[in-house]
Amino acid sequence: MKLKSVEAKENIKQRLRRIEGQVRGVQNMLDEERECREIMQQLAAIRSALQGVNRIFLQEYAGACLLDLEEEAGGPAVRPELRARRAKIIREMIDFLDKAP
């Protein structure tokens, strides 16, 4: 299944371009023989940024793809209030996963 939200796709692509720039920056830092602490800080920032992309993708995938399976299978259209409730549960689950070690 494909992501349906153009806004989510653009958000993810923009974040990935930023991460790509951060990775190139770390490569330059290595070439410049910068301090290990500085490099580790940048690597931690990259990891955090990638986790953010994963979170957005998972939320969008769950919301746009998994919740629409019922409709694609020929079932009745999901009521807007039920769709909103499901989306809230998905967000809460993702938030819970963010807090896990």
PDB file of N, CA and C in Angstrom:
ATOM      1  N   MET A   1       0.840  -1.180   0.000  1.00  0.00           N
ATOM      2  CA  MET A   1       0.000   0.000   0.000  1.00  0.00           C
ATOM      3  C   MET A   1       0.886   1.244   0.000  1.00  0.00           C
ATOM      4  N   LYS A   2       0.328   2.313  -0.523  1.00  0.00           N
ATOM      5  CA  LYS A   2       1.063   3.570  -0.635  1.00  0.00           C
ATOM      6  C   LYS A   2       0.532   4.587   0.358  1.00  0.00           C
ATOM      7  N   LEU A   3       1.417   5.500   0.732  1.00  0.00           N
ATOM      8  CA  LEU A   3       0.975   6.618   1.568  1.00  0.00           C
ATOM      9  C   LEU A   3       0.092   7.522   0.725  1.00  0.00           C
ATOM     10  N   LYS A   4      -1.025   7.921   1.279  1.00  0.00           N
ATOM     11  CA  LYS A   4      -1.982   8.741   0.536  1.00  0.00           C
ATOM     12  C   LYS A   4      -1.787  10.226   0.756  1.00  0.00           C
ATOM     13  N   SER A   5      -1.265  10.598   1.891  1.00  0.00           N
ATOM     14  CA  SER A   5      -1.151  12.005   2.236  1.00  0.00           C
ATOM     15  C   SER A   5       0.066  12.637   1.563  1.00  0.00           C
ATOM     16  N   VAL A   6      -0.201  13.591   0.689  1.00  0.00           N
ATOM     17  CA  VAL A   6       0.878  14.314   0.019  1.00  0.00           C
ATOM     18  C   VAL A   6       1.687  15.103   1.041  1.00  0.00           C
ATOM     19  N   GLU A   7       0.999  15.670   2.031  1.00  0.00           N
ATOM     20  CA  GLU A   7       1.682  16.461   3.055  1.00  0.00           C
ATOM     21  C   GLU A   7       2.650  15.590   3.859  1.00  0.00           C
ATOM     22  N   ALA A   8       2.213  14.389   4.223  1.00  0.00           N
ATOM     23  CA  ALA A   8       3.070  13.484   4.997  1.00  0.00           C
ATOM     24  C   ALA A   8       4.282  13.070   4.173  1.00  0.00           C
ATOM     25  N   LYS A   9       4.063  12.763   2.898  1.00  0.00           N
ATOM     26  CA  LYS A   9       5.192  12.388   2.023  1.00  0.00           C
ATOM     27  C   LYS A   9       6.214  13.511   1.947  1.00  0.00           C
ATOM     28  N   GLU A  10       5.723  14.725   1.726  1.00  0.00           N
ATOM     29  CA  GLU A  10       6.636  15.870   1.619  1.00  0.00           C
ATOM     30  C   GLU A  10       7.363  16.118   2.939  1.00  0.00           C
ATOM     31  N   ASN A  11       6.668  15.970   4.047  1.00  0.00           N
ATOM     32  CA  ASN A  11       7.280  16.136   5.360  1.00  0.00           C
ATOM     33  C   ASN A  11       8.394  15.112   5.550  1.00  0.00           C
ATOM     34  N   ILE A  12       8.122  13.864   5.220  1.00  0.00           N
ATOM     35  CA  ILE A  12       9.117  12.806   5.361  1.00  0.00           C
ATOM     36  C   ILE A  12      10.305  13.073   4.443  1.00  0.00           C
ATOM     37  N   LYS A  13      10.045  13.434   3.183  1.00  0.00           N
ATOM     38  CA  LYS A  13      11.132  13.700   2.250  1.00  0.00           C
ATOM     39  C   LYS A  13      11.997  14.869   2.716  1.00  0.00           C
ATOM     40  N   GLN A  14      11.356  15.910   3.235  1.00  0.00           N
ATOM     41  CA  GLN A  14      12.106  17.072   3.727  1.00  0.00           C
ATOM     42  C   GLN A  14      13.003  16.670   4.900  1.00  0.00           C
ATOM     43  N   ARG A  15      12.455  15.895   5.810  1.00  0.00           N
ATOM     44  CA  ARG A  15      13.238  15.439   6.960  1.00  0.00           C
ATOM     45  C   ARG A  15      14.399  14.553   6.513  1.00  0.00           C
ATOM     46  N   LEU A  16      14.166  13.687   5.532  1.00  0.00           N
ATOM     47  CA  LEU A  16      15.238  12.811   5.048  1.00  0.00           C
ATOM     48  C   LEU A  16      16.340  13.614   4.362  1.00  0.00           C
ATOM     49  N   ARG A  17      15.969  14.672   3.652  1.00  0.00           N
ATOM     50  CA  ARG A  17      16.993  15.536   3.032  1.00  0.00           C
ATOM     51  C   ARG A  17      17.841  16.213   4.111  1.00  0.00           C
ATOM     52  N   ARG A  18      17.177  16.630   5.192  1.00  0.00           N
ATOM     53  CA  ARG A  18      17.911  17.259   6.299  1.00  0.00           C
ATOM     54  C   ARG A  18      18.873  16.246   6.933  1.00  0.00           C
ATOM     55  N   ILE A  19      18.397  15.025   7.131  1.00  0.00           N
ATOM     56  CA  ILE A  19      19.240  13.971   7.705  1.00  0.00           C
ATOM     57  C   ILE A  19      20.412  13.679   6.774  1.00  0.00           C
ATOM     58  N   GLU A  20      20.141  13.658   5.483  1.00  0.00           N
ATOM     59  CA  GLU A  20      21.206  13.432   4.503  1.00  0.00           C
ATOM     60  C   GLU A  20      22.299  14.495   4.650  1.00  0.00           C
ATOM     61  N   GLY A  21      21.893  15.736   4.850  1.00  0.00           N
ATOM     62  CA  GLY A  21      22.856  16.816   5.060  1.00  0.00           C
ATOM     63  C   GLY A  21      23.638  16.634   6.346  1.00  0.00           C
ATOM     64  N   GLN A  22      22.961  16.159   7.393  1.00  0.00           N
ATOM     65  CA  GLN A  22      23.645  15.903   8.662  1.00  0.00           C
ATOM     66  C   GLN A  22      24.698  14.804   8.498  1.00  0.00           C
ATOM     67  N   VAL A  23      24.362  13.770   7.746  1.00  0.00           N
ATOM     68  CA  VAL A  23      25.311  12.667   7.535  1.00  0.00           C
ATOM     69  C   VAL A  23      26.525  13.182   6.770  1.00  0.00           C
ATOM     70  N   ARG A  24      26.291  13.991   5.740  1.00  0.00           N
ATOM     71  CA  ARG A  24      27.426  14.573   5.012  1.00  0.00           C
ATOM     72  C   ARG A  24      28.273  15.448   5.945  1.00  0.00           C
ATOM     73  N   GLY A  25      27.606  16.151   6.849  1.00  0.00           N
ATOM     74  CA  GLY A  25      28.328  16.971   7.816  1.00  0.00           C
ATOM     75  C   GLY A  25      29.236  16.137   8.709  1.00  0.00           C
ATOM     76  N   VAL A  26      28.746  14.981   9.145  1.00  0.00           N
ATOM     77  CA  VAL A  26      29.567  14.098   9.987  1.00  0.00           C
ATOM     78  C   VAL A  26      30.751  13.574   9.172  1.00  0.00           C
ATOM     79  N   GLN A  27      30.530  13.264   7.907  1.00  0.00           N
ATOM     80  CA  GLN A  27      31.643  12.812   7.063  1.00  0.00           C
ATOM     81  C   GLN A  27      32.712  13.895   6.982  1.00  0.00           C
ATOM     82  N   ASN A  28      32.286  15.137   6.827  1.00  0.00           N
ATOM     83  CA  ASN A  28      33.245  16.247   6.793  1.00  0.00           C
ATOM     84  C   ASN A  28      33.955  16.403   8.136  1.00  0.00           C
ATOM     85  N   MET A  29      33.216  16.212   9.217  1.00  0.00           N
ATOM     86  CA  MET A  29      33.827  16.307  10.548  1.00  0.00           C
ATOM     87  C   MET A  29      34.924  15.255  10.710  1.00  0.00           C
ATOM     88  N   LEU A  30      34.685  14.070  10.190  1.00  0.00           N
ATOM     89  CA  LEU A  30      35.705  13.021  10.261  1.00  0.00           C
ATOM     90  C   LEU A  30      36.937  13.409   9.445  1.00  0.00           C
ATOM     91  N   ASP A  31      36.695  13.959   8.246  1.00  0.00           N
ATOM     92  CA  ASP A  31      37.810  14.394   7.403  1.00  0.00           C
ATOM     93  C   ASP A  31      38.606  15.504   8.082  1.00  0.00           C
ATOM     94  N   GLU A  32      37.911  16.353   8.825  1.00  0.00           N
ATOM     95  CA  GLU A  32      38.563  17.469   9.524  1.00  0.00           C
ATOM     96  C   GLU A  32      39.145  17.050  10.867  1.00  0.00           C
ATOM     97  N   GLU A  33      38.960  15.786  11.221  1.00  0.00           N
ATOM     98  CA  GLU A  33      39.442  15.227  12.485  1.00  0.00           C
ATOM     99  C   GLU A  33      38.937  16.033  13.679  1.00  0.00           C
ATOM    100  N   ARG A  34      37.634  16.266  13.692  1.00  0.00           N
ATOM    101  CA  ARG A  34      37.003  16.993  14.783  1.00  0.00           C
ATOM    102  C   ARG A  34      36.944  16.118  16.023  1.00  0.00           C
ATOM    103  N   GLU A  35      36.657  16.710  17.147  1.00  0.00           N
ATOM    104  CA  GLU A  35      36.603  16.003  18.422  1.00  0.00           C
ATOM    105  C   GLU A  35      35.514  14.930  18.404  1.00  0.00           C
ATOM    106  N   CYS A  36      35.823  13.817  19.046  1.00  0.00           N
ATOM    107  CA  CYS A  36      34.879  12.699  19.108  1.00  0.00           C
ATOM    108  C   CYS A  36      33.545  13.116  19.725  1.00  0.00           C
ATOM    109  N   ARG A  37      33.613  13.953  20.737  1.00  0.00           N
ATOM    110  CA  ARG A  37      32.382  14.397  21.410  1.00  0.00           C
ATOM    111  C   ARG A  37      31.457  15.138  20.437  1.00  0.00           C
ATOM    112  N   GLU A  38      32.010  15.985  19.610  1.00  0.00           N
ATOM    113  CA  GLU A  38      31.215  16.718  18.625  1.00  0.00           C
ATOM    114  C   GLU A  38      30.573  15.759  17.623  1.00  0.00           C
ATOM    115  N   ILE A  39      31.344  14.786  17.195  1.00  0.00           N
ATOM    116  CA  ILE A  39      30.837  13.808  16.234  1.00  0.00           C
ATOM    117  C   ILE A  39      29.722  12.982  16.863  1.00  0.00           C
ATOM    118  N   MET A  40      29.916  12.577  18.112  1.00  0.00           N
ATOM    119  CA  MET A  40      28.883  11.794  18.798  1.00  0.00           C
ATOM    120  C   MET A  40      27.599  12.601  18.958  1.00  0.00           C
ATOM    121  N   GLN A  41      27.717  13.892  19.225  1.00  0.00           N
ATOM    122  CA  GLN A  41      26.532  14.740  19.340  1.00  0.00           C
ATOM    123  C   GLN A  41      25.765  14.775  18.022  1.00  0.00           C
ATOM    124  N   GLN A  42      26.493  14.891  16.934  1.00  0.00           N
ATOM    125  CA  GLN A  42      25.839  14.912  15.626  1.00  0.00           C
ATOM    126  C   GLN A  42      25.203  13.559  15.292  1.00  0.00           C
ATOM    127  N   LEU A  43      25.881  12.483  15.648  1.00  0.00           N
ATOM    128  CA  LEU A  43      25.311  11.150  15.407  1.00  0.00           C
ATOM    129  C   LEU A  43      24.041  10.942  16.234  1.00  0.00           C
ATOM    130  N   ALA A  44      24.044  11.455  17.450  1.00  0.00           N
ATOM    131  CA  ALA A  44      22.843  11.362  18.287  1.00  0.00           C
ATOM    132  C   ALA A  44      21.707  12.180  17.673  1.00  0.00           C
ATOM    133  N   ALA A  45      22.036  13.345  17.125  1.00  0.00           N
ATOM    134  CA  ALA A  45      21.019  14.179  16.480  1.00  0.00           C
ATOM    135  C   ALA A  45      20.444  13.474  15.251  1.00  0.00           C
ATOM    136  N   ILE A  46      21.308  12.802  14.494  1.00  0.00           N
ATOM    137  CA  ILE A  46      20.850  12.050  13.319  1.00  0.00           C
ATOM    138  C   ILE A  46      19.923  10.922  13.749  1.00  0.00           C
ATOM    139  N   ARG A  47      20.312  10.224  14.783  1.00  0.00           N
ATOM    140  CA  ARG A  47      19.485   9.114  15.285  1.00  0.00           C
ATOM    141  C   ARG A  47      18.106   9.626  15.714  1.00  0.00           C
ATOM    142  N   SER A  48      18.090  10.724  16.428  1.00  0.00           N
ATOM    143  CA  SER A  48      16.832  11.313  16.887  1.00  0.00           C
ATOM    144  C   SER A  48      15.971  11.748  15.702  1.00  0.00           C
ATOM    145  N   ALA A  49      16.592  12.358  14.715  1.00  0.00           N
ATOM    146  CA  ALA A  49      15.858  12.807  13.530  1.00  0.00           C
ATOM    147  C   ALA A  49      15.284  11.615  12.771  1.00  0.00           C
ATOM    148  N   LEU A  50      16.041  10.547  12.670  1.00  0.00           N
ATOM    149  CA  LEU A  50      15.556   9.351  11.980  1.00  0.00           C
ATOM    150  C   LEU A  50      14.410   8.702  12.741  1.00  0.00           C
ATOM    151  N   GLN A  51      14.486   8.724  14.064  1.00  0.00           N
ATOM    152  CA  GLN A  51      13.374   8.204  14.861  1.00  0.00           C
ATOM    153  C   GLN A  51      12.114   9.027  14.617  1.00  0.00           C
ATOM    154  N   GLY A  52      12.275  10.324  14.450  1.00  0.00           N
ATOM    155  CA  GLY A  52      11.133  11.177  14.138  1.00  0.00           C
ATOM    156  C   GLY A  52      10.504  10.814  12.803  1.00  0.00           C
ATOM    157  N   VAL A  53      11.330  10.538  11.809  1.00  0.00           N
ATOM    158  CA  VAL A  53      10.826  10.116  10.503  1.00  0.00           C
ATOM    159  C   VAL A  53      10.103   8.776  10.632  1.00  0.00           C
ATOM    160  N   ASN A  54      10.694   7.855  11.375  1.00  0.00           N
ATOM    161  CA  ASN A  54      10.045   6.554  11.588  1.00  0.00           C
ATOM    162  C   ASN A  54       8.683   6.732  12.226  1.00  0.00           C
ATOM    163  N   ARG A  55       8.602   7.607  13.191  1.00  0.00           N
ATOM    164  CA  ARG A  55       7.345   7.843  13.909  1.00  0.00           C
ATOM    165  C   ARG A  55       6.275   8.388  12.964  1.00  0.00           C
ATOM    166  N   ILE A  56       6.633   9.394  12.177  1.00  0.00           N
ATOM    167  CA  ILE A  56       5.689   9.979  11.230  1.00  0.00           C
ATOM    168  C   ILE A  56       5.238   8.932  10.212  1.00  0.00           C
ATOM    169  N   PHE A  57       6.196   8.165   9.690  1.00  0.00           N
ATOM    170  CA  PHE A  57       5.858   7.152   8.694  1.00  0.00           C
ATOM    171  C   PHE A  57       4.929   6.101   9.285  1.00  0.00           C
ATOM    172  N   LEU A  58       5.246   5.624  10.476  1.00  0.00           N
ATOM    173  CA  LEU A  58       4.414   4.609  11.105  1.00  0.00           C
ATOM    174  C   LEU A  58       3.011   5.134  11.358  1.00  0.00           C
ATOM    175  N   GLN A  59       2.914   6.346  11.856  1.00  0.00           N
ATOM    176  CA  GLN A  59       1.596   6.921  12.131  1.00  0.00           C
ATOM    177  C   GLN A  59       0.798   7.062  10.835  1.00  0.00           C
ATOM    178  N   GLU A  60       1.441   7.551   9.800  1.00  0.00           N
ATOM    179  CA  GLU A  60       0.754   7.724   8.523  1.00  0.00           C
ATOM    180  C   GLU A  60       0.370   6.371   7.921  1.00  0.00           C
ATOM    181  N   TYR A  61       1.289   5.427   7.992  1.00  0.00           N
ATOM    182  CA  TYR A  61       1.016   4.097   7.460  1.00  0.00           C
ATOM    183  C   TYR A  61      -0.167   3.466   8.181  1.00  0.00           C
ATOM    184  N   ALA A  62      -0.137   3.517   9.492  1.00  0.00           N
ATOM    185  CA  ALA A  62      -1.221   2.917  10.268  1.00  0.00           C
ATOM    186  C   ALA A  62      -2.536   3.629   9.974  1.00  0.00           C
ATOM    187  N   GLY A  63      -2.491   4.935   9.919  1.00  0.00           N
ATOM    188  CA  GLY A  63      -3.721   5.694   9.699  1.00  0.00           C
ATOM    189  C   GLY A  63      -4.251   5.565   8.285  1.00  0.00           C
ATOM    190  N   ALA A  64      -3.399   5.732   7.307  1.00  0.00           N
ATOM    191  CA  ALA A  64      -3.849   5.779   5.919  1.00  0.00           C
ATOM    192  C   ALA A  64      -3.992   4.404   5.291  1.00  0.00           C
ATOM    193  N   CYS A  65      -3.157   3.484   5.687  1.00  0.00           N
ATOM    194  CA  CYS A  65      -3.155   2.187   5.030  1.00  0.00           C
ATOM    195  C   CYS A  65      -3.938   1.134   5.804  1.00  0.00           C
ATOM    196  N   LEU A  66      -3.589   0.922   7.030  1.00  0.00           N
ATOM    197  CA  LEU A  66      -4.220  -0.146   7.793  1.00  0.00           C
ATOM    198  C   LEU A  66      -5.692   0.126   8.069  1.00  0.00           C
ATOM    199  N   LEU A  67      -6.022   1.369   8.391  1.00  0.00           N
ATOM    200  CA  LEU A  67      -7.413   1.676   8.709  1.00  0.00           C
ATOM    201  C   LEU A  67      -8.312   1.643   7.474  1.00  0.00           C
ATOM    202  N   ASP A  68      -7.738   1.780   6.300  1.00  0.00           N
ATOM    203  CA  ASP A  68      -8.534   1.749   5.081  1.00  0.00           C
ATOM    204  C   ASP A  68      -8.760   0.333   4.546  1.00  0.00           C
ATOM    205  N   LEU A  69      -8.132  -0.660   5.141  1.00  0.00           N
ATOM    206  CA  LEU A  69      -8.292  -2.028   4.660  1.00  0.00           C
ATOM    207  C   LEU A  69      -9.750  -2.472   4.679  1.00  0.00           C
ATOM    208  N   GLU A  70     -10.472  -2.073   5.697  1.00  0.00           N
ATOM    209  CA  GLU A  70     -11.881  -2.455   5.803  1.00  0.00           C
ATOM    210  C   GLU A  70     -12.677  -1.951   4.598  1.00  0.00           C
ATOM    211  N   GLU A  71     -12.444  -0.706   4.227  1.00  0.00           N
ATOM    212  CA  GLU A  71     -13.157  -0.140   3.088  1.00  0.00           C
ATOM    213  C   GLU A  71     -12.736  -0.815   1.793  1.00  0.00           C
ATOM    214  N   GLU A  72     -11.444  -1.089   1.631  1.00  0.00           N
ATOM    215  CA  GLU A  72     -10.960  -1.727   0.409  1.00  0.00           C
ATOM    216  C   GLU A  72     -11.482  -3.143   0.269  1.00  0.00           C
ATOM    217  N   ALA A  73     -11.749  -3.785   1.380  1.00  0.00           N
ATOM    218  CA  ALA A  73     -12.264  -5.150   1.349  1.00  0.00           C
ATOM    219  C   ALA A  73     -13.755  -5.173   1.019  1.00  0.00           C
ATOM    220  N   GLY A  74     -14.327  -4.023   0.769  1.00  0.00           N
ATOM    221  CA  GLY A  74     -15.732  -3.964   0.407  1.00  0.00           C
ATOM    222  C   GLY A  74     -16.661  -3.826   1.590  1.00  0.00           C
ATOM    223  N   GLY A  75     -16.088  -3.600   2.768  1.00  0.00           N
ATOM    224  CA  GLY A  75     -16.898  -3.416   3.960  1.00  0.00           C
ATOM    225  C   GLY A  75     -17.548  -2.050   3.953  1.00  0.00           C
ATOM    226  N   PRO A  76     -18.397  -1.805   4.915  1.00  0.00           N
ATOM    227  CA  PRO A  76     -19.048  -0.493   4.973  1.00  0.00           C
ATOM    228  C   PRO A  76     -18.020   0.602   5.263  1.00  0.00           C
ATOM    229  N   ALA A  77     -18.322   1.788   4.798  1.00  0.00           N
ATOM    230  CA  ALA A  77     -17.434   2.923   5.054  1.00  0.00           C
ATOM    231  C   ALA A  77     -17.336   3.159   6.555  1.00  0.00           C
ATOM    232  N   VAL A  78     -16.137   3.460   6.999  1.00  0.00           N
ATOM    233  CA  VAL A  78     -15.913   3.708   8.417  1.00  0.00           C
ATOM    234  C   VAL A  78     -16.422   5.104   8.760  1.00  0.00           C
ATOM    235  N   ARG A  79     -17.227   5.186   9.800  1.00  0.00           N
ATOM    236  CA  ARG A  79     -17.764   6.476  10.233  1.00  0.00           C
ATOM    237  C   ARG A  79     -16.625   7.396  10.656  1.00  0.00           C
ATOM    238  N   PRO A  80     -16.754   8.691  10.397  1.00  0.00           N
ATOM    239  CA  PRO A  80     -15.678   9.633  10.743  1.00  0.00           C
ATOM    240  C   PRO A  80     -15.300   9.598  12.223  1.00  0.00           C
ATOM    241  N   GLU A  81     -16.288   9.464  13.116  1.00  0.00           N
ATOM    242  CA  GLU A  81     -15.951   9.445  14.543  1.00  0.00           C
ATOM    243  C   GLU A  81     -15.182   8.182  14.916  1.00  0.00           C
ATOM    244  N   LEU A  82     -15.491   7.056  14.242  1.00  0.00           N
ATOM    245  CA  LEU A  82     -14.749   5.820  14.498  1.00  0.00           C
ATOM    246  C   LEU A  82     -13.328   5.939  13.944  1.00  0.00           C
ATOM    247  N   ARG A  83     -13.204   6.531  12.773  1.00  0.00           N
ATOM    248  CA  ARG A  83     -11.872   6.738  12.178  1.00  0.00           C
ATOM    249  C   ARG A  83     -11.028   7.634  13.092  1.00  0.00           C
ATOM    250  N   ALA A  84     -11.611   8.694  13.629  1.00  0.00           N
ATOM    251  CA  ALA A  84     -10.888   9.603  14.532  1.00  0.00           C
ATOM    252  C   ALA A  84     -10.483   8.871  15.804  1.00  0.00           C
ATOM    253  N   ARG A  85     -11.370   8.041  16.310  1.00  0.00           N
ATOM    254  CA  ARG A  85     -11.051   7.276  17.521  1.00  0.00           C
ATOM    255  C   ARG A  85      -9.910   6.292  17.269  1.00  0.00           C
ATOM    256  N   ARG A  86      -9.943   5.619  16.123  1.00  0.00           N
ATOM    257  CA  ARG A  86      -8.858   4.697  15.770  1.00  0.00           C
ATOM    258  C   ARG A  86      -7.539   5.453  15.616  1.00  0.00           C
ATOM    259  N   ALA A  87      -7.582   6.597  14.962  1.00  0.00           N
ATOM    260  CA  ALA A  87      -6.365   7.394  14.777  1.00  0.00           C
ATOM    261  C   ALA A  87      -5.794   7.826  16.120  1.00  0.00           C
ATOM    262  N   LYS A  88      -6.663   8.180  17.055  1.00  0.00           N
ATOM    263  CA  LYS A  88      -6.203   8.570  18.402  1.00  0.00           C
ATOM    264  C   LYS A  88      -5.524   7.396  19.094  1.00  0.00           C
ATOM    265  N   ILE A  89      -6.095   6.222  18.979  1.00  0.00           N
ATOM    266  CA  ILE A  89      -5.491   5.031  19.584  1.00  0.00           C
ATOM    267  C   ILE A  89      -4.123   4.757  18.969  1.00  0.00           C
ATOM    268  N   ILE A  90      -4.004   4.899  17.662  1.00  0.00           N
ATOM    269  CA  ILE A  90      -2.717   4.693  16.987  1.00  0.00           C
ATOM    270  C   ILE A  90      -1.696   5.688  17.505  1.00  0.00           C
ATOM    271  N   ARG A  91      -2.085   6.971  17.625  1.00  0.00           N
ATOM    272  CA  ARG A  91      -1.156   7.981  18.149  1.00  0.00           C
ATOM    273  C   ARG A  91      -0.711   7.638  19.558  1.00  0.00           C
ATOM    274  N   GLU A  92      -1.656   7.189  20.392  1.00  0.00           N
ATOM    275  CA  GLU A  92      -1.315   6.828  21.768  1.00  0.00           C
ATOM    276  C   GLU A  92      -0.352   5.642  21.803  1.00  0.00           C
ATOM    277  N   MET A  93      -0.564   4.679  20.924  1.00  0.00           N
ATOM    278  CA  MET A  93       0.332   3.514  20.875  1.00  0.00           C
ATOM    279  C   MET A  93       1.741   3.922  20.453  1.00  0.00           C
ATOM    280  N   ILE A  94       1.824   4.805  19.470  1.00  0.00           N
ATOM    281  CA  ILE A  94       3.129   5.281  19.004  1.00  0.00           C
ATOM    282  C   ILE A  94       3.804   6.080  20.105  1.00  0.00           C
ATOM    283  N   ASP A  95       3.056   6.920  20.800  1.00  0.00           N
ATOM    284  CA  ASP A  95       3.615   7.678  21.920  1.00  0.00           C
ATOM    285  C   ASP A  95       4.150   6.732  22.996  1.00  0.00           C
ATOM    286  N   PHE A  96       3.417   5.670  23.243  1.00  0.00           N
ATOM    287  CA  PHE A  96       3.850   4.676  24.232  1.00  0.00           C
ATOM    288  C   PHE A  96       5.158   4.019  23.780  1.00  0.00           C
ATOM    289  N   LEU A  97       5.246   3.685  22.491  1.00  0.00           N
ATOM    290  CA  LEU A  97       6.482   3.081  21.980  1.00  0.00           C
ATOM    291  C   LEU A  97       7.664   4.034  22.086  1.00  0.00           C
ATOM    292  N   ASP A  98       7.402   5.335  21.919  1.00  0.00           N
ATOM    293  CA  ASP A  98       8.475   6.321  22.054  1.00  0.00           C
ATOM    294  C   ASP A  98       9.074   6.328  23.462  1.00  0.00           C
ATOM    295  N   LYS A  99       8.270   5.990  24.440  1.00  0.00           N
ATOM    296  CA  LYS A  99       8.729   6.013  25.828  1.00  0.00           C
ATOM    297  C   LYS A  99       9.439   4.727  26.232  1.00  0.00           C
ATOM    298  N   ALA A 100       9.311   3.691  25.415  1.00  0.00           N
ATOM    299  CA  ALA A 100       9.965   2.416  25.740  1.00  0.00           C
ATOM    300  C   ALA A 100      11.474   2.557  25.587  1.00  0.00           C
ATOM    301  N   PRO A 101      12.229   1.825  26.396  1.00  0.00           N
ATOM    302  CA  PRO A 101      13.699   1.929  26.295  1.00  0.00           C
ATOM    303  C   PRO A 101      14.245   1.368  25.011  1.00  0.00           C
TER     304      PRO A 101
END
